[in-house]
Structures are given as C-alpha cells and as structure tokens.
Amino acid sequence: MRKDYARDFGAHHILDPTKDDIVAKCRELCDNKGAHMCFDAAGVQSALNQAAKAVRARGTIVNIAIWEKPFTLQPNDMIFRER
C-alpha cells in the first residue's frame, strides 16, 4: 500500500528493504556516489544504518518516523562519510 502511495506521488524508484540491497541500489542509481537525500520513515535501527551508508558525502538524512524504541547512532558513520 505504501508503495502505491509512493508511485502515485511520482516516485521514480521504489526500493523494498526486504528484497533490495538499499545501499547498493542507491549507489547504482546515483553514479556510485549515493543518494543526495534519504527519508527514514521506518523508525527502525536497520533503516537508519542503511541510510547512513546509502547517502553520498554531504548528503542529508531526514527522519520523519516515530520511533518506538531508543536507537544507536554511530557518529563516525556521519562524520567520516560527511553526512
């Protein structure tokens, strides 16, 4: 259902983290540099981890999720990769 909404709103690519390697696919779609921007709408640790690796240097990660549990943020994933 959410995939249909994304398509209806004009998404060009819809990735499924249960089937797709998000990091590899973002690099493939973005000249091996990663996405300019990533929106985390899942609110789970694995989504945040993948976002940190899927976004290019000086890219932006935007959290729009409601988190039910505390999460861990590795600052080096942000600093060393210039996120």
C-alpha atoms as a PDB file:
ATOM      1  CA  MET A   1       0.000   0.000   0.000  1.00  0.00           C
ATOM      2  CA  ARG A   2       2.757   2.491   0.880  1.00  0.00           C
ATOM      3  CA  LYS A   3       4.500   1.575  -2.374  1.00  0.00           C
ATOM      4  CA  ASP A   4       1.321   2.511  -4.248  1.00  0.00           C
ATOM      5  CA  TYR A   5       1.238   5.882  -2.487  1.00  0.00           C
ATOM      6  CA  ALA A   6       4.865   6.490  -3.402  1.00  0.00           C
ATOM      7  CA  ARG A   7       4.114   5.637  -7.028  1.00  0.00           C
ATOM      8  CA  ASP A   8       1.033   7.895  -7.013  1.00  0.00           C
ATOM      9  CA  PHE A   9       3.126  10.770  -5.671  1.00  0.00           C
ATOM     10  CA  GLY A  10       5.618  10.359  -8.509  1.00  0.00           C
ATOM     11  CA  ALA A  11       8.403   8.186  -7.114  1.00  0.00           C
ATOM     12  CA  HIS A  12      10.714   7.063  -9.900  1.00  0.00           C
ATOM     13  CA  HIS A  13      12.253   4.188  -7.934  1.00  0.00           C
ATOM     14  CA  ILE A  14      10.661   2.280  -5.064  1.00  0.00           C
ATOM     15  CA  LEU A  15      13.023   0.121  -3.043  1.00  0.00           C
ATOM     16  CA  ASP A  16      11.952  -2.688  -0.758  1.00  0.00           C
ATOM     17  CA  PRO A  17      14.419  -3.326   2.085  1.00  0.00           C
ATOM     18  CA  THR A  18      13.144  -6.884   2.428  1.00  0.00           C
ATOM     19  CA  LYS A  19      14.139  -7.603  -1.184  1.00  0.00           C
ATOM     20  CA  ASP A  20      16.634  -4.940  -2.262  1.00  0.00           C
ATOM     21  CA  ASP A  21      20.130  -4.107  -1.081  1.00  0.00           C
ATOM     22  CA  ILE A  22      19.317  -0.471  -0.351  1.00  0.00           C
ATOM     23  CA  VAL A  23      22.906   0.780  -0.186  1.00  0.00           C
ATOM     24  CA  ALA A  24      23.946  -0.958  -3.417  1.00  0.00           C
ATOM     25  CA  LYS A  25      20.814   0.147  -5.260  1.00  0.00           C
ATOM     26  CA  CYS A  26      21.224   3.792  -4.178  1.00  0.00           C
ATOM     27  CA  ARG A  27      24.814   3.763  -5.393  1.00  0.00           C
ATOM     28  CA  GLU A  28      23.785   2.109  -8.669  1.00  0.00           C
ATOM     29  CA  LEU A  29      21.084   4.726  -9.288  1.00  0.00           C
ATOM     30  CA  CYS A  30      23.321   7.652  -8.321  1.00  0.00           C
ATOM     31  CA  ASP A  31      26.588   7.239 -10.247  1.00  0.00           C
ATOM     32  CA  ASN A  32      28.132   5.187  -7.423  1.00  0.00           C
ATOM     33  CA  LYS A  33      28.011   8.227  -5.109  1.00  0.00           C
ATOM     34  CA  GLY A  34      24.826   7.530  -3.171  1.00  0.00           C
ATOM     35  CA  ALA A  35      21.616   9.488  -2.849  1.00  0.00           C
ATOM     36  CA  HIS A  36      21.549  13.220  -2.200  1.00  0.00           C
ATOM     37  CA  MET A  37      18.806  12.803   0.394  1.00  0.00           C
ATOM     38  CA  CYS A  38      17.219   9.978   2.338  1.00  0.00           C
ATOM     39  CA  PHE A  39      13.980   9.985   4.311  1.00  0.00           C
ATOM     40  CA  ASP A  40      13.677   7.474   7.131  1.00  0.00           C
ATOM     41  CA  ALA A  41      10.002   6.725   7.582  1.00  0.00           C
ATOM     42  CA  ALA A  42      10.503   3.310   9.180  1.00  0.00           C
ATOM     43  CA  GLY A  43      11.838   4.261  12.601  1.00  0.00           C
ATOM     44  CA  VAL A  44      13.916   1.119  12.995  1.00  0.00           C
ATOM     45  CA  GLN A  45      17.647   0.729  13.564  1.00  0.00           C
ATOM     46  CA  SER A  46      18.357  -1.093  10.295  1.00  0.00           C
ATOM     47  CA  ALA A  47      16.784   1.714   8.248  1.00  0.00           C
ATOM     48  CA  LEU A  48      18.952   4.343   9.916  1.00  0.00           C
ATOM     49  CA  ASN A  49      22.066   2.211   9.431  1.00  0.00           C
ATOM     50  CA  GLN A  50      21.323   1.775   5.738  1.00  0.00           C
ATOM     51  CA  ALA A  51      20.512   5.458   5.281  1.00  0.00           C
ATOM     52  CA  ALA A  52      23.902   6.436   6.706  1.00  0.00           C
ATOM     53  CA  LYS A  53      25.603   4.272   4.082  1.00  0.00           C
ATOM     54  CA  ALA A  54      23.257   4.999   1.173  1.00  0.00           C
ATOM     55  CA  VAL A  55      23.621   8.795   1.249  1.00  0.00           C
ATOM     56  CA  ARG A  56      26.541  10.451  -0.512  1.00  0.00           C
ATOM     57  CA  ALA A  57      29.117  12.693   1.121  1.00  0.00           C
ATOM     58  CA  ARG A  58      27.439  15.955   2.176  1.00  0.00           C
ATOM     59  CA  GLY A  59      24.064  14.238   1.701  1.00  0.00           C
ATOM     60  CA  THR A  60      21.136  14.651   4.063  1.00  0.00           C
ATOM     61  CA  ILE A  61      19.212  12.138   6.145  1.00  0.00           C
ATOM     62  CA  VAL A  62      15.770  13.290   7.260  1.00  0.00           C
ATOM     63  CA  ASN A  63      13.910  11.403   9.970  1.00  0.00           C
ATOM     64  CA  ILE A  64      10.136  11.507   9.608  1.00  0.00           C
ATOM     65  CA  ALA A  65       9.472   8.353  11.621  1.00  0.00           C
ATOM     66  CA  ILE A  66       8.038   7.881  15.077  1.00  0.00           C
ATOM     67  CA  TRP A  67      10.480   5.694  16.981  1.00  0.00           C
ATOM     68  CA  GLU A  68       9.054   3.188  19.452  1.00  0.00           C
ATOM     69  CA  LYS A  69      12.448   2.184  20.826  1.00  0.00           C
ATOM     70  CA  PRO A  70      15.704   4.014  21.513  1.00  0.00           C
ATOM     71  CA  PHE A  71      18.255   3.808  18.720  1.00  0.00           C
ATOM     72  CA  THR A  72      22.025   3.871  18.464  1.00  0.00           C
ATOM     73  CA  LEU A  73      23.755   6.409  16.262  1.00  0.00           C
ATOM     74  CA  GLN A  74      27.369   5.839  15.279  1.00  0.00           C
ATOM     75  CA  PRO A  75      28.771   9.376  14.934  1.00  0.00           C
ATOM     76  CA  ASN A  76      31.671   8.082  12.823  1.00  0.00           C
ATOM     77  CA  ASP A  77      29.173   6.935  10.175  1.00  0.00           C
ATOM     78  CA  MET A  78      28.149  10.553   9.846  1.00  0.00           C
ATOM     79  CA  ILE A  79      31.497  12.281  10.299  1.00  0.00           C
ATOM     80  CA  PHE A  80      33.753  10.062   8.204  1.00  0.00           C
ATOM     81  CA  ARG A  81      31.210   9.940   5.401  1.00  0.00           C
ATOM     82  CA  GLU A  82      30.363  13.671   5.645  1.00  0.00           C
ATOM     83  CA  ARG A  83      26.656  13.140   6.272  1.00  0.00           C
END
